[in-house]
């Protein structure tokens, strides 16, 4: 996890565990892939993956936490997937970015 001055690693790890962030990442990413075509997502095929064990994070405006994972396709980083959560664990927004 990326270091952040606003929250300790311990609090972030608690947040991830309490709100099951890893599972939410997987479900949200799978849903996105299932509901969109390759053309919609600007990818050549849906054999892409994210890594949820080493998420980067940042505190957003003091009242939300953004977690980000790189998107890999055929061994290459092609973009990132980001979920933003309220401090109560509710999903606020998601970003699927292809570079």
C-alpha atoms as a PDB file:
ATOM      1  CA  UNK A   1       0.000   0.000   0.000  1.00  0.00           C
ATOM      2  CA  UNK A   2       1.094   3.532  -0.708  1.00  0.00           C
ATOM      3  CA  UNK A   3       1.941   5.597   2.339  1.00  0.00           C
ATOM      4  CA  UNK A   4      -0.366   8.449   3.265  1.00  0.00           C
ATOM      5  CA  UNK A   5       0.167  11.087   5.947  1.00  0.00           C
ATOM      6  CA  UNK A   6      -3.530  11.403   6.796  1.00  0.00           C
ATOM      7  CA  UNK A   7      -4.191   7.816   7.834  1.00  0.00           C
ATOM      8  CA  UNK A   8      -1.911   5.204   9.289  1.00  0.00           C
ATOM      9  CA  UNK A   9      -1.324   1.895   7.545  1.00  0.00           C
ATOM     10  CA  UNK A  10      -3.106   0.249  10.466  1.00  0.00           C
ATOM     11  CA  UNK A  11      -6.293   2.283   9.916  1.00  0.00           C
ATOM     12  CA  UNK A  12      -6.185   1.603   6.177  1.00  0.00           C
ATOM     13  CA  UNK A  13      -5.721  -2.129   6.758  1.00  0.00           C
ATOM     14  CA  UNK A  14      -8.682  -2.060   9.163  1.00  0.00           C
ATOM     15  CA  UNK A  15     -10.792  -0.197   6.606  1.00  0.00           C
ATOM     16  CA  UNK A  16      -9.867  -2.745   3.914  1.00  0.00           C
ATOM     17  CA  UNK A  17     -10.746  -5.655   6.206  1.00  0.00           C
ATOM     18  CA  UNK A  18     -13.925  -4.238   7.744  1.00  0.00           C
ATOM     19  CA  UNK A  19     -15.384  -3.169   4.391  1.00  0.00           C
ATOM     20  CA  UNK A  20     -14.057  -6.166   2.407  1.00  0.00           C
ATOM     21  CA  UNK A  21     -12.409  -3.880  -0.147  1.00  0.00           C
ATOM     22  CA  UNK A  22     -10.590  -6.709  -1.956  1.00  0.00           C
ATOM     23  CA  UNK A  23     -13.870  -8.530  -2.632  1.00  0.00           C
ATOM     24  CA  UNK A  24     -15.626  -5.307  -3.664  1.00  0.00           C
ATOM     25  CA  UNK A  25     -12.796  -4.632  -6.134  1.00  0.00           C
ATOM     26  CA  UNK A  26     -13.150  -8.090  -7.672  1.00  0.00           C
ATOM     27  CA  UNK A  27     -16.958  -7.931  -7.903  1.00  0.00           C
ATOM     28  CA  UNK A  28     -16.979  -4.417  -9.334  1.00  0.00           C
ATOM     29  CA  UNK A  29     -14.268  -5.203 -11.900  1.00  0.00           C
ATOM     30  CA  UNK A  30     -15.998  -8.431 -12.973  1.00  0.00           C
ATOM     31  CA  UNK A  31     -19.311  -6.625 -13.300  1.00  0.00           C
ATOM     32  CA  UNK A  32     -17.705  -3.917 -15.423  1.00  0.00           C
ATOM     33  CA  UNK A  33     -16.197  -6.525 -17.758  1.00  0.00           C
ATOM     34  CA  UNK A  34     -19.468  -8.456 -18.033  1.00  0.00           C
ATOM     35  CA  UNK A  35     -21.620  -5.388 -18.741  1.00  0.00           C
ATOM     36  CA  UNK A  36     -19.402  -3.810 -21.416  1.00  0.00           C
ATOM     37  CA  UNK A  37     -17.913  -4.825 -24.744  1.00  0.00           C
ATOM     38  CA  UNK A  38     -14.215  -4.653 -25.578  1.00  0.00           C
ATOM     39  CA  UNK A  39     -15.014  -1.644 -27.765  1.00  0.00           C
ATOM     40  CA  UNK A  40     -16.801   0.075 -24.863  1.00  0.00           C
ATOM     41  CA  UNK A  41     -13.752  -0.484 -22.669  1.00  0.00           C
ATOM     42  CA  UNK A  42     -11.186   0.334 -25.376  1.00  0.00           C
ATOM     43  CA  UNK A  43      -9.392  -3.001 -24.950  1.00  0.00           C
ATOM     44  CA  UNK A  44      -8.479  -5.690 -27.494  1.00  0.00           C
ATOM     45  CA  UNK A  45      -9.806  -8.603 -25.410  1.00  0.00           C
ATOM     46  CA  UNK A  46     -11.225  -9.222 -21.944  1.00  0.00           C
ATOM     47  CA  UNK A  47      -8.324 -11.323 -20.726  1.00  0.00           C
ATOM     48  CA  UNK A  48      -7.226  -8.555 -18.364  1.00  0.00           C
ATOM     49  CA  UNK A  49      -6.540  -8.565 -14.651  1.00  0.00           C
ATOM     50  CA  UNK A  50      -6.097  -6.384 -11.593  1.00  0.00           C
ATOM     51  CA  UNK A  51      -4.013  -6.991  -8.481  1.00  0.00           C
ATOM     52  CA  UNK A  52      -6.018  -6.395  -5.301  1.00  0.00           C
ATOM     53  CA  UNK A  53      -3.369  -7.388  -2.761  1.00  0.00           C
ATOM     54  CA  UNK A  54      -1.193  -4.288  -3.282  1.00  0.00           C
ATOM     55  CA  UNK A  55      -3.639  -1.442  -3.678  1.00  0.00           C
ATOM     56  CA  UNK A  56      -2.459   2.153  -3.755  1.00  0.00           C
ATOM     57  CA  UNK A  57      -4.614   4.497  -1.712  1.00  0.00           C
ATOM     58  CA  UNK A  58      -5.169   8.158  -1.058  1.00  0.00           C
ATOM     59  CA  UNK A  59      -7.464  10.182   1.146  1.00  0.00           C
ATOM     60  CA  UNK A  60      -9.776  12.269  -1.030  1.00  0.00           C
ATOM     61  CA  UNK A  61     -11.045  15.595   0.332  1.00  0.00           C
ATOM     62  CA  UNK A  62     -10.757  14.240   3.875  1.00  0.00           C
ATOM     63  CA  UNK A  63     -14.007  12.292   3.611  1.00  0.00           C
ATOM     64  CA  UNK A  64     -13.308   9.490   1.146  1.00  0.00           C
ATOM     65  CA  UNK A  65     -10.614   6.952   0.335  1.00  0.00           C
ATOM     66  CA  UNK A  66      -9.570   6.033  -3.204  1.00  0.00           C
ATOM     67  CA  UNK A  67      -7.992   2.642  -3.875  1.00  0.00           C
ATOM     68  CA  UNK A  68      -6.243   1.978  -7.179  1.00  0.00           C
ATOM     69  CA  UNK A  69      -4.926  -1.127  -8.934  1.00  0.00           C
ATOM     70  CA  UNK A  70      -3.102  -1.373 -12.231  1.00  0.00           C
ATOM     71  CA  UNK A  71      -4.799  -3.214 -15.097  1.00  0.00           C
ATOM     72  CA  UNK A  72      -2.629  -5.796 -16.837  1.00  0.00           C
ATOM     73  CA  UNK A  73      -3.139  -7.390 -20.252  1.00  0.00           C
ATOM     74  CA  UNK A  74      -0.723  -9.949 -21.673  1.00  0.00           C
ATOM     75  CA  UNK A  75       1.866  -9.015 -19.028  1.00  0.00           C
ATOM     76  CA  UNK A  76       1.726  -5.284 -19.769  1.00  0.00           C
ATOM     77  CA  UNK A  77       0.285  -2.474 -17.693  1.00  0.00           C
ATOM     78  CA  UNK A  78      -2.472  -0.922 -19.804  1.00  0.00           C
ATOM     79  CA  UNK A  79      -4.181   1.324 -17.282  1.00  0.00           C
ATOM     80  CA  UNK A  80      -5.699   1.391 -13.820  1.00  0.00           C
ATOM     81  CA  UNK A  81      -8.935   0.680 -12.006  1.00  0.00           C
ATOM     82  CA  UNK A  82      -9.903   2.925  -9.099  1.00  0.00           C
ATOM     83  CA  UNK A  83     -12.736   2.735  -6.582  1.00  0.00           C
ATOM     84  CA  UNK A  84     -13.608   5.591  -4.265  1.00  0.00           C
ATOM     85  CA  UNK A  85     -15.298   4.834  -0.956  1.00  0.00           C
ATOM     86  CA  UNK A  86     -16.913   7.034   1.673  1.00  0.00           C
ATOM     87  CA  UNK A  87     -15.438   6.593   5.138  1.00  0.00           C
ATOM     88  CA  UNK A  88     -18.458   4.430   6.024  1.00  0.00           C
ATOM     89  CA  UNK A  89     -17.452   1.955   3.274  1.00  0.00           C
ATOM     90  CA  UNK A  90     -20.102   2.927   0.711  1.00  0.00           C
ATOM     91  CA  UNK A  91     -18.886   2.933  -2.889  1.00  0.00           C
ATOM     92  CA  UNK A  92     -18.981   6.460  -4.314  1.00  0.00           C
ATOM     93  CA  UNK A  93     -17.432   6.098  -7.777  1.00  0.00           C
ATOM     94  CA  UNK A  94     -15.305   3.923 -10.031  1.00  0.00           C
ATOM     95  CA  UNK A  95     -12.795   4.706 -12.776  1.00  0.00           C
ATOM     96  CA  UNK A  96     -11.603   2.375 -15.536  1.00  0.00           C
ATOM     97  CA  UNK A  97      -8.732   4.131 -17.296  1.00  0.00           C
ATOM     98  CA  UNK A  98      -6.844   2.748 -20.277  1.00  0.00           C
ATOM     99  CA  UNK A  99      -3.583   4.544 -21.051  1.00  0.00           C
END
